[in-house]
Amino acid sequence: MARLKQVTGTKTDASLSSALQISPQTLSSWKGRDSTPYSLCVEIAQTRGISLDWLLLGEGPILRQTVTDSSEANQESTTRENTILALWRLLDENDRCAIQNALEEKQRLRDMELRLSEMAAILATLKPVNET
């Protein structure tokens, strides 16, 4: 249950049951039996890119290892993106907003640096006027 809460970004049983779209009584029953339906775990693991071993047993990496037919660099990029996405899903809304703001600011700074570099190149091509 703790790992399900982590994956869904919930903290209470009530919010977990809501996130899983089940009744609180169903969740309570699962807790009482110390058992969660395997099919639900498989579905969550597939849709969120989570390792089923980690979700069920708490073993291994959180993220499922993806295998693609593309090049190694592309696979590395996909794995990195899946990792970022899975970690993003674990954050609360305030943390997501803070990260988004930081990324937008970083992009704004890159744009400004590019414009500054372009202006410096233009200035370097201008010949100084000699006053006599």
Protein backbone atom coordinates (compact mmCIF):
# COMPACT_ATOMS: atom_id res chain seq x y z
CA MET A 1 0.00 0.00 0.00
CA ALA A 2 2.85 2.39 0.78
CA ARG A 3 4.31 1.91 -2.70
CA LEU A 4 0.88 2.40 -4.29
CA LYS A 5 0.56 5.66 -2.35
CA GLN A 6 4.01 6.70 -3.54
CA VAL A 7 3.19 5.93 -7.17
CA THR A 8 -0.18 7.69 -7.06
CA GLY A 9 1.14 10.65 -5.07
CA THR A 10 -1.34 10.09 -2.27
CA LYS A 11 -0.82 10.14 1.47
CA THR A 12 -4.05 8.80 2.98
CA ASP A 13 -6.11 5.67 2.43
CA ALA A 14 -9.05 7.82 1.36
CA SER A 15 -7.02 9.61 -1.30
CA LEU A 16 -5.52 6.29 -2.47
CA SER A 17 -8.95 4.71 -2.87
CA SER A 18 -10.03 7.77 -4.84
CA ALA A 19 -6.91 7.62 -7.05
CA LEU A 20 -7.49 3.92 -7.71
CA GLN A 21 -11.21 4.54 -8.27
CA ILE A 22 -12.25 1.99 -5.68
CA SER A 23 -14.34 2.31 -2.54
CA PRO A 24 -12.64 2.89 0.83
CA GLN A 25 -14.22 -0.41 1.97
CA THR A 26 -12.48 -2.28 -0.86
CA LEU A 27 -9.14 -0.74 0.09
CA SER A 28 -9.77 -1.62 3.73
CA SER A 29 -10.51 -5.20 2.71
CA TRP A 30 -7.24 -5.39 0.76
CA LYS A 31 -5.34 -4.05 3.76
CA GLY A 32 -7.03 -6.56 6.08
CA ARG A 33 -6.01 -9.44 3.81
CA ASP A 34 -2.61 -7.83 3.15
CA SER A 35 -3.30 -8.44 -0.54
CA THR A 36 -3.75 -6.20 -3.57
CA PRO A 37 -5.18 -7.59 -6.82
CA TYR A 38 -2.38 -8.59 -9.13
CA SER A 39 -4.24 -7.27 -12.19
CA LEU A 40 -4.42 -3.79 -10.65
CA CYS A 41 -0.69 -3.83 -9.91
CA VAL A 42 0.10 -4.94 -13.48
CA GLU A 43 -2.10 -2.17 -14.90
CA ILE A 44 -0.48 0.51 -12.72
CA ALA A 45 3.01 -0.76 -13.52
CA GLN A 46 2.30 -0.67 -17.25
CA THR A 47 0.62 2.72 -17.37
CA ARG A 48 3.17 4.44 -15.16
CA GLY A 49 6.36 2.72 -16.30
CA ILE A 50 6.93 1.24 -12.84
CA SER A 51 8.74 -2.03 -12.21
CA LEU A 52 6.31 -4.73 -11.14
CA ASP A 53 9.02 -6.25 -8.91
CA TRP A 54 9.36 -2.96 -7.09
CA LEU A 55 5.61 -2.39 -6.82
CA LEU A 56 4.82 -5.89 -5.54
CA LEU A 57 7.95 -6.78 -3.61
CA GLY A 58 9.81 -3.53 -3.03
CA GLU A 59 12.82 -4.99 -4.86
CA GLY A 60 14.93 -3.53 -7.65
CA PRO A 61 14.64 -0.16 -9.33
CA ILE A 62 11.36 1.77 -9.23
CA LEU A 63 11.26 2.19 -12.98
CA ARG A 64 10.69 -0.60 -15.46
CA GLN A 65 13.57 -1.16 -17.84
CA THR A 66 12.39 -0.39 -21.37
CA VAL A 67 13.63 -2.29 -24.40
CA THR A 68 13.34 -0.74 -27.82
CA ASP A 69 14.58 -1.69 -31.28
CA SER A 70 16.17 1.72 -31.81
CA SER A 71 19.78 2.74 -31.38
CA GLU A 72 21.52 2.67 -28.01
CA ALA A 73 21.52 6.48 -27.77
CA ASN A 74 17.80 6.56 -28.45
CA GLN A 75 17.19 3.88 -25.83
CA GLU A 76 19.27 5.83 -23.33
CA SER A 77 17.21 8.94 -24.06
CA THR A 78 13.94 7.02 -23.71
CA THR A 79 15.08 5.52 -20.41
CA ARG A 80 16.06 8.95 -19.12
CA GLU A 81 12.71 10.41 -20.20
CA ASN A 82 10.80 7.54 -18.56
CA THR A 83 12.78 8.05 -15.37
CA ILE A 84 12.02 11.76 -15.34
CA LEU A 85 8.35 11.14 -16.08
CA ALA A 86 8.00 8.52 -13.35
CA LEU A 87 9.72 10.76 -10.82
CA TRP A 88 7.56 13.71 -11.97
CA ARG A 89 4.44 11.66 -11.24
CA LEU A 90 5.64 11.10 -7.67
CA LEU A 91 5.83 14.85 -6.96
CA ASP A 92 3.06 16.92 -5.44
CA GLU A 93 1.60 19.86 -7.38
CA ASN A 94 3.71 22.51 -5.60
CA ASP A 95 6.94 20.72 -6.48
CA ARG A 96 5.80 20.28 -10.08
CA CYS A 97 5.07 24.02 -10.35
CA ALA A 98 8.46 24.90 -8.87
CA ILE A 99 10.27 22.64 -11.33
CA GLN A 100 8.27 23.97 -14.26
CA ASN A 101 9.09 27.55 -13.25
CA ALA A 102 12.78 26.70 -12.98
CA LEU A 103 12.75 25.06 -16.42
CA GLU A 104 10.99 28.04 -17.97
CA GLU A 105 13.51 30.41 -16.39
CA LYS A 106 16.39 28.27 -17.68
CA GLN A 107 14.93 28.44 -21.20
CA ARG A 108 14.51 32.22 -20.91
CA LEU A 109 18.17 32.57 -19.88
CA ARG A 110 19.30 30.39 -22.79
CA ASP A 111 17.32 32.56 -25.21
CA MET A 112 18.89 35.70 -23.76
CA GLU A 113 22.39 34.20 -24.01
CA LEU A 114 21.78 33.32 -27.65
CA ARG A 115 20.58 36.84 -28.45
CA LEU A 116 23.54 38.34 -26.61
CA SER A 117 25.93 36.12 -28.57
CA GLU A 118 24.28 37.16 -31.85
CA MET A 119 24.57 40.85 -30.90
CA ALA A 120 28.23 40.42 -29.96
CA ALA A 121 28.91 38.81 -33.35
CA ILE A 122 27.25 41.75 -35.12
CA LEU A 123 29.22 44.25 -33.07
CA ALA A 124 32.46 42.45 -33.88
CA THR A 125 31.83 42.87 -37.59
CA LEU A 126 31.35 46.62 -37.33
CA LYS A 127 34.50 48.61 -38.12
CA PRO A 128 35.34 51.35 -35.72
CA VAL A 129 35.10 54.84 -37.17
CA ASN A 130 38.38 56.78 -36.80
CA GLU A 131 37.95 60.39 -35.91
CA THR A 132 40.57 62.72 -37.32
